[in-house]
C-alpha atoms as a PDB file:
ATOM      1  CA  MET A   1      -2.163   5.199 -20.508  1.00  0.00           C
ATOM      2  CA  ASN A   2      -3.924   6.369 -17.504  1.00  0.00           C
ATOM      3  CA  THR A   3      -7.895   4.540 -17.470  1.00  0.00           C
ATOM      4  CA  LYS A   4     -10.581   6.140 -15.305  1.00  0.00           C
ATOM      5  CA  LEU A   5     -12.243   3.294 -12.759  1.00  0.00           C
ATOM      6  CA  THR A   6     -15.386   3.495 -10.993  1.00  0.00           C
ATOM      7  CA  LEU A   7     -15.537   1.691  -7.513  1.00  0.00           C
ATOM      8  CA  THR A   8     -18.421   1.017  -4.876  1.00  0.00           C
ATOM      9  CA  ILE A   9     -17.094   1.217  -1.166  1.00  0.00           C
ATOM     10  CA  ASP A  10     -18.775   2.423   2.120  1.00  0.00           C
ATOM     11  CA  HIS A  11     -18.896   5.872   2.020  1.00  0.00           C
ATOM     12  CA  SER A  12     -17.276   5.760   5.679  1.00  0.00           C
ATOM     13  CA  ILE A  13     -14.304   4.317   4.345  1.00  0.00           C
ATOM     14  CA  ILE A  14     -13.821   6.681   1.114  1.00  0.00           C
ATOM     15  CA  GLU A  15     -14.057  10.309   3.715  1.00  0.00           C
ATOM     16  CA  LYS A  16     -11.000   7.937   5.879  1.00  0.00           C
ATOM     17  CA  ALA A  17      -9.219   7.399   2.942  1.00  0.00           C
ATOM     18  CA  LYS A  18      -9.969  11.031   1.500  1.00  0.00           C
ATOM     19  CA  ARG A  19      -8.962  12.718   5.290  1.00  0.00           C
ATOM     20  CA  TYR A  20      -6.264  10.498   5.207  1.00  0.00           C
ATOM     21  CA  ALA A  21      -4.517  11.411   1.749  1.00  0.00           C
ATOM     22  CA  ARG A  22      -4.785  15.063   2.376  1.00  0.00           C
ATOM     23  CA  GLU A  23      -3.003  13.883   5.193  1.00  0.00           C
ATOM     24  CA  GLN A  24       0.104  12.625   3.196  1.00  0.00           C
ATOM     25  CA  GLU A  25      -0.614  15.375   0.652  1.00  0.00           C
ATOM     26  CA  ARG A  26      -0.807  12.714  -1.698  1.00  0.00           C
ATOM     27  CA  SER A  27      -4.526  12.488  -4.019  1.00  0.00           C
ATOM     28  CA  LEU A  28      -7.115   8.774  -3.130  1.00  0.00           C
ATOM     29  CA  SER A  29      -6.189   8.217  -6.733  1.00  0.00           C
ATOM     30  CA  ASP A  30      -3.056   7.697  -6.175  1.00  0.00           C
ATOM     31  CA  LEU A  31      -3.154   5.761  -2.664  1.00  0.00           C
ATOM     32  CA  ILE A  32      -5.059   3.466  -4.661  1.00  0.00           C
ATOM     33  CA  GLU A  33      -2.978   2.614  -7.359  1.00  0.00           C
ATOM     34  CA  ASN A  34       0.339   2.338  -5.760  1.00  0.00           C
ATOM     35  CA  TYR A  35      -2.022  -0.275  -2.832  1.00  0.00           C
ATOM     36  CA  LEU A  36      -3.008  -2.619  -6.246  1.00  0.00           C
ATOM     37  CA  ARG A  37       0.256  -1.673  -7.875  1.00  0.00           C
ATOM     38  CA  ALA A  38       1.628  -3.444  -4.141  1.00  0.00           C
ATOM     39  CA  LEU A  39      -1.044  -6.183  -3.955  1.00  0.00           C
ATOM     40  CA  THR A  40       0.059  -7.550  -7.670  1.00  0.00           C
ATOM     41  CA  ASN A  41       3.639  -7.004  -8.013  1.00  0.00           C
ATOM     42  CA  GLU A  42       5.269  -9.626  -5.619  1.00  0.00           C
ATOM     43  CA  ASN A  43       8.971  -8.299  -6.252  1.00  0.00           C
ATOM     44  CA  ALA A  44       7.930  -4.560  -5.564  1.00  0.00           C
ATOM     45  CA  VAL A  45      10.777  -4.330  -3.495  1.00  0.00           C
ATOM     46  CA  ASP A  46      13.643  -6.213  -5.554  1.00  0.00           C
ATOM     47  CA  ASP A  47      12.431  -4.272  -8.913  1.00  0.00           C
ATOM     48  CA  GLU A  48      12.268  -0.805  -7.305  1.00  0.00           C
ATOM     49  CA  VAL A  49      15.219   1.895  -5.684  1.00  0.00           C
ATOM     50  CA  LEU A  50      15.339   1.542  -2.342  1.00  0.00           C
ATOM     51  CA  SER A  51      15.939   5.203   0.065  1.00  0.00           C
ATOM     52  CA  PRO A  52      18.911   4.805   1.787  1.00  0.00           C
ATOM     53  CA  THR A  53      17.365   4.444   5.176  1.00  0.00           C
ATOM     54  CA  ILE A  54      15.019   1.903   3.625  1.00  0.00           C
ATOM     55  CA  GLU A  55      18.690   0.122   2.557  1.00  0.00           C
ATOM     56  CA  GLN A  56      19.996   0.044   6.248  1.00  0.00           C
ATOM     57  CA  LEU A  57      17.313  -1.918   7.207  1.00  0.00           C
ATOM     58  CA  ARG A  58      17.540  -4.564   4.766  1.00  0.00           C
ATOM     59  CA  GLY A  59      18.703  -7.826   6.319  1.00  0.00           C
ATOM     60  CA  SER A  60      17.957  -6.359   9.688  1.00  0.00           C
ATOM     61  CA  PHE A  61      15.527  -9.099  10.279  1.00  0.00           C
ATOM     62  CA  LYS A  62      14.333 -12.310   9.195  1.00  0.00           C
ATOM     63  CA  MET A  63      10.965 -13.414   7.752  1.00  0.00           C
ATOM     64  CA  PRO A  64       9.479 -16.837   8.278  1.00  0.00           C
ATOM     65  CA  LYS A  65       9.693 -19.321   5.167  1.00  0.00           C
ATOM     66  CA  ASP A  66       5.748 -18.714   4.986  1.00  0.00           C
ATOM     67  CA  PHE A  67       5.457 -15.041   6.186  1.00  0.00           C
ATOM     68  CA  ASP A  68       2.167 -13.734   3.141  1.00  0.00           C
ATOM     69  CA  TYR A  69       2.607 -10.408   3.483  1.00  0.00           C
ATOM     70  CA  LYS A  70       0.288  -9.397   1.093  1.00  0.00           C
ATOM     71  CA  LYS A  71      -1.631 -10.342   3.746  1.00  0.00           C
ATOM     72  CA  GLU A  72      -0.873  -7.921   6.441  1.00  0.00           C
ATOM     73  CA  LEU A  73      -0.733  -6.019   4.156  1.00  0.00           C
ATOM     74  CA  THR A  74      -4.726  -6.188   3.493  1.00  0.00           C
ATOM     75  CA  ASP A  75      -5.114  -7.302   7.038  1.00  0.00           C
ATOM     76  CA  SER A  76      -2.696  -3.821   8.189  1.00  0.00           C
ATOM     77  CA  LEU A  77      -5.391  -1.602   5.584  1.00  0.00           C
ATOM     78  CA  THR A  78      -7.870  -2.924   7.021  1.00  0.00           C
ATOM     79  CA  LYS A  79      -7.421  -1.870  10.837  1.00  0.00           C
ATOM     80  CA  LYS A  80      -6.016   1.035   9.246  1.00  0.00           C
ATOM     81  CA  PHE A  81      -9.440   2.216   7.049  1.00  0.00           C
ATOM     82  CA  LEU A  82     -11.999   0.248   8.978  1.00  0.00           C
END
């Protein structure tokens, strides 16, 4: 079930995000929903079916034990949209 959500976000960020969504041929709602899903689901990769390309990359590198992927994702998205 979808629920309407009202957010207060800086106008310039919204415009950049809308532009990005258009370039990706996705809706802004879809981008935000997937971002929130990634933030709130620690086992997202384990629960999803991976594409063959991604599956081939599995195990090709080792992350440090203290790697915080949520922080890295947040930092990367912040850099991209700010």
